[in-house]
Structures are given as structure tokens and as C-alpha cells.
Amino acid sequence: MEVINITTPLTTDMARQLQAGQLLLISGTIYTARDAAHKRLMGMLDRGEESPFPLKNQIVYYAGPTPPAPGAVVGSIGPTSGYRMDAFAPRLYKLGVTASMGKGGRSLEVVASLKQYGAVYLAAIGGLGALLSKHVTAVEMVAFEDLGTEAVRKLTVEKFPAIVAIDSKGVSVYERNSV
């Protein structure tokens, strides 16, 4: 398996070069946001308010980290199912998000928007949240702290592993005979 080191921000040109099945080691900044944070963010955007975090060329990780153990930066930080954000993802890609990351397949609408906006869907491996946390070097609360684990956080990551699950051409590791 080909391993590609990428450093954020992830531009559209960079995202378009990625292919389904490639293993990425991500370094830089990614943002966490789950269902409740997405819903609140959409409300803000609907009212014409600014996003509390940059969207252009960013990776949004569908995760809600647990509290850290003493001396740790973050607790377990495994992915949640991407389909739960399918209603929100196309709008975020249109606004410049170049990758989302979770686990499991996505809707046809999401795949179409990946192709339209040159974005990718990344898969983090579920069940490895404690191991993934070792790749997080810093965590900063960004928005919606009242949502607890579902709040938006800025993560600084070092060689965070992910697989390109659906590329910007719509090729998916979840589809038989696709890769």
C-alpha cells in the first residue's frame, strides 16, 4: 500500500491528486465536528454568520474525543459514522472543506459533491481511538463547548493515519470492483 505524507492545509489541487485506497499520514491541523456541531454550524451559516473555524482547505474529522487521562493531550479519538453528516457535507465542500474523515460509506449525494468540488472522504479506522490519540499533539476548544465531546476542536496531529476512502473522482474503497 502506498503511503503519502501530507501536511495541512489540504488544497483542492492536493485533494484531486489523492486516489482511493491510498494510506495517508496527516500532519498539521484538523477540526473535529460531529452531528450536533454540524447542525449548529448550519444554523449559523443560514443566519449569515461566520463559521467559528476556517473551512477553506480544511479537514473535518467526525470524532468526539474523550477526556484525556492525566498527562495525556486527548483521550480516545475514534471516528464516528460518516453517513450521519451526509445532510451537511455537500454544503461544507461547497464552502471549501477539502476532506471529511469518519468511518463507513457515504450517500450518492455526498459522492457527487466530492466530485463537483474536488474533495475527498477519508476513513480513520474505527476501534483504534486510543491508538489514534497518540498522533494528536495539541487540542484547542474552538466552538460549542456546551456540546461536550461533540464540540468543535482544533487538533494538531502528527502522522495521523487515514485511508482515502472516496476520492474526488468518486472511486470508493467501499464499492466492489471500484479500486
C-alpha atoms as a PDB file:
ATOM      1  CA  MET A   1       0.000   0.000   0.000  1.00  0.00           C
ATOM      2  CA  GLU A   2       1.317   3.407  -0.974  1.00  0.00           C
ATOM      3  CA  VAL A   3       1.858   5.766   1.965  1.00  0.00           C
ATOM      4  CA  ILE A   4       1.589   9.513   1.386  1.00  0.00           C
ATOM      5  CA  ASN A   5       2.626  12.127   3.925  1.00  0.00           C
ATOM      6  CA  ILE A   6       0.506  15.253   3.729  1.00  0.00           C
ATOM      7  CA  THR A   7       0.672  18.473   5.662  1.00  0.00           C
ATOM      8  CA  THR A   8      -2.407  20.618   6.088  1.00  0.00           C
ATOM      9  CA  PRO A   9      -3.939  22.760   4.799  1.00  0.00           C
ATOM     10  CA  LEU A  10      -5.154  20.338   2.136  1.00  0.00           C
ATOM     11  CA  THR A  11      -5.747  22.322  -1.044  1.00  0.00           C
ATOM     12  CA  THR A  12      -8.191  21.255  -3.730  1.00  0.00           C
ATOM     13  CA  ASP A  13      -5.264  20.579  -6.077  1.00  0.00           C
ATOM     14  CA  MET A  14      -3.732  18.262  -3.458  1.00  0.00           C
ATOM     15  CA  ALA A  15      -7.069  16.527  -2.805  1.00  0.00           C
ATOM     16  CA  ARG A  16      -7.604  15.895  -6.520  1.00  0.00           C
ATOM     17  CA  GLN A  17      -4.299  14.024  -6.697  1.00  0.00           C
ATOM     18  CA  LEU A  18      -5.312  11.538  -3.995  1.00  0.00           C
ATOM     19  CA  GLN A  19      -6.649   8.146  -5.036  1.00  0.00           C
ATOM     20  CA  ALA A  20      -8.976   5.747  -3.277  1.00  0.00           C
ATOM     21  CA  GLY A  21      -7.031   3.178  -1.301  1.00  0.00           C
ATOM     22  CA  GLN A  22      -4.005   5.336  -0.541  1.00  0.00           C
ATOM     23  CA  LEU A  23      -2.814   5.471   3.060  1.00  0.00           C
ATOM     24  CA  LEU A  24      -2.208   9.000   4.323  1.00  0.00           C
ATOM     25  CA  LEU A  25      -0.184  10.182   7.275  1.00  0.00           C
ATOM     26  CA  ILE A  26      -1.586  13.623   8.071  1.00  0.00           C
ATOM     27  CA  SER A  27       0.379  16.285   9.926  1.00  0.00           C
ATOM     28  CA  GLY A  28      -0.869  19.749  10.780  1.00  0.00           C
ATOM     29  CA  THR A  29      -4.336  20.949  11.777  1.00  0.00           C
ATOM     30  CA  ILE A  30      -7.665  19.141  11.530  1.00  0.00           C
ATOM     31  CA  TYR A  31     -11.005  20.048  13.131  1.00  0.00           C
ATOM     32  CA  THR A  32     -13.415  17.743  14.935  1.00  0.00           C
ATOM     33  CA  ALA A  33     -17.168  18.109  14.458  1.00  0.00           C
ATOM     34  CA  ARG A  34     -19.973  15.633  14.942  1.00  0.00           C
ATOM     35  CA  ASP A  35     -23.745  15.713  14.420  1.00  0.00           C
ATOM     36  CA  ALA A  36     -24.719  18.388  16.958  1.00  0.00           C
ATOM     37  CA  ALA A  37     -21.852  20.682  15.951  1.00  0.00           C
ATOM     38  CA  HIS A  38     -22.757  20.328  12.261  1.00  0.00           C
ATOM     39  CA  LYS A  39     -26.379  21.192  12.987  1.00  0.00           C
ATOM     40  CA  ARG A  40     -25.376  24.274  14.988  1.00  0.00           C
ATOM     41  CA  LEU A  41     -22.849  25.331  12.331  1.00  0.00           C
ATOM     42  CA  MET A  42     -25.519  25.083   9.607  1.00  0.00           C
ATOM     43  CA  GLY A  43     -27.794  27.324  11.690  1.00  0.00           C
ATOM     44  CA  MET A  44     -25.038  29.920  11.955  1.00  0.00           C
ATOM     45  CA  LEU A  45     -24.397  29.812   8.211  1.00  0.00           C
ATOM     46  CA  ASP A  46     -28.144  30.045   7.496  1.00  0.00           C
ATOM     47  CA  ARG A  47     -28.240  33.257   9.569  1.00  0.00           C
ATOM     48  CA  GLY A  48     -25.310  34.686   7.595  1.00  0.00           C
ATOM     49  CA  GLU A  49     -22.855  34.295  10.480  1.00  0.00           C
ATOM     50  CA  GLU A  50     -19.212  33.324  10.012  1.00  0.00           C
ATOM     51  CA  SER A  51     -18.029  29.818  10.742  1.00  0.00           C
ATOM     52  CA  PRO A  52     -16.176  29.639  14.080  1.00  0.00           C
ATOM     53  CA  PHE A  53     -13.313  27.853  12.314  1.00  0.00           C
ATOM     54  CA  PRO A  54     -11.837  28.156   8.825  1.00  0.00           C
ATOM     55  CA  LEU A  55     -13.482  25.945   6.217  1.00  0.00           C
ATOM     56  CA  LYS A  56     -11.351  26.507   3.114  1.00  0.00           C
ATOM     57  CA  ASN A  57      -8.759  23.768   2.571  1.00  0.00           C
ATOM     58  CA  GLN A  58      -9.597  22.083   5.890  1.00  0.00           C
ATOM     59  CA  ILE A  59     -10.164  18.506   7.045  1.00  0.00           C
ATOM     60  CA  VAL A  60     -13.201  17.921   9.261  1.00  0.00           C
ATOM     61  CA  TYR A  61     -12.884  14.790  11.394  1.00  0.00           C
ATOM     62  CA  TYR A  62     -16.134  13.221  12.577  1.00  0.00           C
ATOM     63  CA  ALA A  63     -14.969  12.459  16.092  1.00  0.00           C
ATOM     64  CA  GLY A  64     -15.762  13.354  19.663  1.00  0.00           C
ATOM     65  CA  PRO A  65     -12.654  12.867  21.786  1.00  0.00           C
ATOM     66  CA  THR A  66     -12.988  11.590  25.301  1.00  0.00           C
ATOM     67  CA  PRO A  67     -11.345  13.484  28.169  1.00  0.00           C
ATOM     68  CA  PRO A  68      -7.592  12.884  28.444  1.00  0.00           C
ATOM     69  CA  ALA A  69      -6.012  10.750  31.120  1.00  0.00           C
ATOM     70  CA  PRO A  70      -3.590  12.624  33.402  1.00  0.00           C
ATOM     71  CA  GLY A  71      -0.583  13.700  31.356  1.00  0.00           C
ATOM     72  CA  ALA A  72      -2.240  12.946  28.001  1.00  0.00           C
ATOM     73  CA  VAL A  73      -3.200  15.502  25.344  1.00  0.00           C
ATOM     74  CA  VAL A  74      -6.505  13.848  24.449  1.00  0.00           C
ATOM     75  CA  GLY A  75      -8.464  10.712  25.265  1.00  0.00           C
ATOM     76  CA  SER A  76      -9.695   8.157  22.780  1.00  0.00           C
ATOM     77  CA  ILE A  77     -10.487   9.823  19.461  1.00  0.00           C
ATOM     78  CA  GLY A  78     -12.008   7.253  17.160  1.00  0.00           C
ATOM     79  CA  PRO A  79     -14.184   8.154  14.154  1.00  0.00           C
ATOM     80  CA  THR A  80     -17.963   8.155  14.035  1.00  0.00           C
ATOM     81  CA  SER A  81     -20.021   7.042  11.034  1.00  0.00           C
ATOM     82  CA  GLY A  82     -19.753   9.500   8.173  1.00  0.00           C
ATOM     83  CA  TYR A  83     -23.301   8.933   6.908  1.00  0.00           C
ATOM     84  CA  ARG A  84     -24.564  10.820   9.963  1.00  0.00           C
ATOM     85  CA  MET A  85     -23.150  14.026   8.418  1.00  0.00           C
ATOM     86  CA  ASP A  86     -24.421  13.356   4.876  1.00  0.00           C
ATOM     87  CA  ALA A  87     -27.062  16.103   5.104  1.00  0.00           C
ATOM     88  CA  PHE A  88     -24.372  18.690   5.930  1.00  0.00           C
ATOM     89  CA  ALA A  89     -21.308  17.585   3.950  1.00  0.00           C
ATOM     90  CA  PRO A  90     -22.178  18.901   0.459  1.00  0.00           C
ATOM     91  CA  ARG A  91     -22.586  22.433   1.788  1.00  0.00           C
ATOM     92  CA  LEU A  92     -19.256  22.275   3.593  1.00  0.00           C
ATOM     93  CA  TYR A  93     -17.479  21.017   0.472  1.00  0.00           C
ATOM     94  CA  LYS A  94     -19.041  23.897  -1.472  1.00  0.00           C
ATOM     95  CA  LEU A  95     -17.671  26.294   1.164  1.00  0.00           C
ATOM     96  CA  GLY A  96     -14.149  24.926   0.699  1.00  0.00           C
ATOM     97  CA  VAL A  97     -13.730  21.943   3.028  1.00  0.00           C
ATOM     98  CA  THR A  98     -11.455  19.615   1.057  1.00  0.00           C
ATOM     99  CA  ALA A  99     -11.798  16.468   3.170  1.00  0.00           C
ATOM    100  CA  SER A 100     -14.008  14.924   5.767  1.00  0.00           C
ATOM    101  CA  MET A 101     -12.964  11.907   7.784  1.00  0.00           C
ATOM    102  CA  GLY A 102     -15.024   9.270   9.544  1.00  0.00           C
ATOM    103  CA  LYS A 103     -15.854   5.631   9.032  1.00  0.00           C
ATOM    104  CA  GLY A 104     -18.172   3.824   6.651  1.00  0.00           C
ATOM    105  CA  GLY A 105     -19.718   4.674   3.308  1.00  0.00           C
ATOM    106  CA  ARG A 106     -21.417   7.881   2.162  1.00  0.00           C
ATOM    107  CA  SER A 107     -24.555   8.729   0.199  1.00  0.00           C
ATOM    108  CA  LEU A 108     -24.643   9.219  -3.561  1.00  0.00           C
ATOM    109  CA  GLU A 109     -25.249  12.950  -2.945  1.00  0.00           C
ATOM    110  CA  VAL A 110     -22.041  13.198  -0.926  1.00  0.00           C
ATOM    111  CA  VAL A 111     -20.070  11.309  -3.576  1.00  0.00           C
ATOM    112  CA  ALA A 112     -21.452  13.664  -6.248  1.00  0.00           C
ATOM    113  CA  SER A 113     -20.393  16.689  -4.197  1.00  0.00           C
ATOM    114  CA  LEU A 114     -16.884  15.247  -3.717  1.00  0.00           C
ATOM    115  CA  LYS A 115     -16.603  15.061  -7.484  1.00  0.00           C
ATOM    116  CA  GLN A 116     -18.117  18.512  -8.019  1.00  0.00           C
ATOM    117  CA  TYR A 117     -15.870  20.318  -5.528  1.00  0.00           C
ATOM    118  CA  GLY A 118     -12.672  18.249  -5.806  1.00  0.00           C
ATOM    119  CA  ALA A 119     -12.842  16.953  -2.238  1.00  0.00           C
ATOM    120  CA  VAL A 120     -12.167  13.543  -0.691  1.00  0.00           C
ATOM    121  CA  TYR A 121     -13.603  11.386   2.067  1.00  0.00           C
ATOM    122  CA  LEU A 122     -11.050   9.813   4.375  1.00  0.00           C
ATOM    123  CA  ALA A 123     -11.566   6.834   6.644  1.00  0.00           C
ATOM    124  CA  ALA A 124      -9.982   6.537  10.055  1.00  0.00           C
ATOM    125  CA  ILE A 125     -10.018   3.052  11.479  1.00  0.00           C
ATOM    126  CA  GLY A 126     -12.812   2.537  13.978  1.00  0.00           C
ATOM    127  CA  GLY A 127     -11.963   0.771  17.226  1.00  0.00           C
ATOM    128  CA  LEU A 128      -8.499   2.331  17.384  1.00  0.00           C
ATOM    129  CA  GLY A 129      -9.412   5.576  19.129  1.00  0.00           C
ATOM    130  CA  ALA A 130      -6.844   5.144  21.898  1.00  0.00           C
ATOM    131  CA  LEU A 131      -4.095   4.438  19.365  1.00  0.00           C
ATOM    132  CA  LEU A 132      -5.144   7.364  17.146  1.00  0.00           C
ATOM    133  CA  SER A 133      -4.913   9.705  20.149  1.00  0.00           C
ATOM    134  CA  LYS A 134      -1.150   9.143  20.209  1.00  0.00           C
ATOM    135  CA  HIS A 135      -0.933  11.092  16.918  1.00  0.00           C
ATOM    136  CA  VAL A 136      -2.541  14.204  18.462  1.00  0.00           C
ATOM    137  CA  THR A 137      -0.013  16.666  19.872  1.00  0.00           C
ATOM    138  CA  ALA A 138      -2.358  19.516  20.857  1.00  0.00           C
ATOM    139  CA  VAL A 139      -6.091  20.171  21.313  1.00  0.00           C
ATOM    140  CA  GLU A 140      -7.819  23.535  21.414  1.00  0.00           C
ATOM    141  CA  MET A 141     -11.531  24.162  22.055  1.00  0.00           C
ATOM    142  CA  VAL A 142     -12.924  26.178  19.130  1.00  0.00           C
ATOM    143  CA  ALA A 143     -16.715  26.318  19.412  1.00  0.00           C
ATOM    144  CA  PHE A 144     -19.830  24.943  21.071  1.00  0.00           C
ATOM    145  CA  GLU A 145     -18.141  23.881  24.313  1.00  0.00           C
ATOM    146  CA  ASP A 146     -21.569  23.156  25.792  1.00  0.00           C
ATOM    147  CA  LEU A 147     -21.834  20.183  23.411  1.00  0.00           C
ATOM    148  CA  GLY A 148     -19.165  18.300  25.371  1.00  0.00           C
ATOM    149  CA  THR A 149     -17.445  15.681  23.245  1.00  0.00           C
ATOM    150  CA  GLU A 150     -19.345  16.954  20.184  1.00  0.00           C
ATOM    151  CA  ALA A 151     -17.818  20.449  20.445  1.00  0.00           C
ATOM    152  CA  VAL A 152     -15.580  21.672  17.631  1.00  0.00           C
ATOM    153  CA  ARG A 153     -11.919  21.229  18.487  1.00  0.00           C
ATOM    154  CA  LYS A 154      -8.759  22.137  16.638  1.00  0.00           C
ATOM    155  CA  LEU A 155      -6.326  19.220  16.682  1.00  0.00           C
ATOM    156  CA  THR A 156      -2.662  19.397  15.886  1.00  0.00           C
ATOM    157  CA  VAL A 157      -1.721  15.992  14.529  1.00  0.00           C
ATOM    158  CA  GLU A 158       1.496  14.234  13.611  1.00  0.00           C
ATOM    159  CA  LYS A 159       1.365  11.392  11.070  1.00  0.00           C
ATOM    160  CA  PHE A 160      -2.325  10.741  11.795  1.00  0.00           C
ATOM    161  CA  PRO A 161      -3.243   7.649   9.731  1.00  0.00           C
ATOM    162  CA  ALA A 162      -6.199   7.692   7.336  1.00  0.00           C
ATOM    163  CA  ILE A 163      -7.210   5.937   4.143  1.00  0.00           C
ATOM    164  CA  VAL A 164      -8.581   7.730   1.093  1.00  0.00           C
ATOM    165  CA  ALA A 165     -11.973   6.009   1.111  1.00  0.00           C
ATOM    166  CA  ILE A 166     -13.650   8.003  -1.684  1.00  0.00           C
ATOM    167  CA  ASP A 167     -11.568  10.145  -3.994  1.00  0.00           C
ATOM    168  CA  SER A 168     -12.533  13.250  -5.962  1.00  0.00           C
ATOM    169  CA  LYS A 169     -13.413  11.111  -8.980  1.00  0.00           C
ATOM    170  CA  GLY A 170     -15.961   9.152  -6.941  1.00  0.00           C
ATOM    171  CA  VAL A 171     -13.880   5.975  -6.757  1.00  0.00           C
ATOM    172  CA  SER A 172     -14.644   4.249  -3.465  1.00  0.00           C
ATOM    173  CA  VAL A 173     -12.962   1.541  -1.435  1.00  0.00           C
ATOM    174  CA  TYR A 174     -16.476   0.576  -0.303  1.00  0.00           C
ATOM    175  CA  GLU A 175     -17.641  -0.362  -3.795  1.00  0.00           C
ATOM    176  CA  ARG A 176     -16.801  -3.773  -5.134  1.00  0.00           C
ATOM    177  CA  ASN A 177     -14.566  -3.618  -8.222  1.00  0.00           C
ATOM    178  CA  SER A 178     -14.099   0.120  -7.688  1.00  0.00           C
ATOM    179  CA  VAL A 179     -10.464   0.115  -6.578  1.00  0.00           C
END
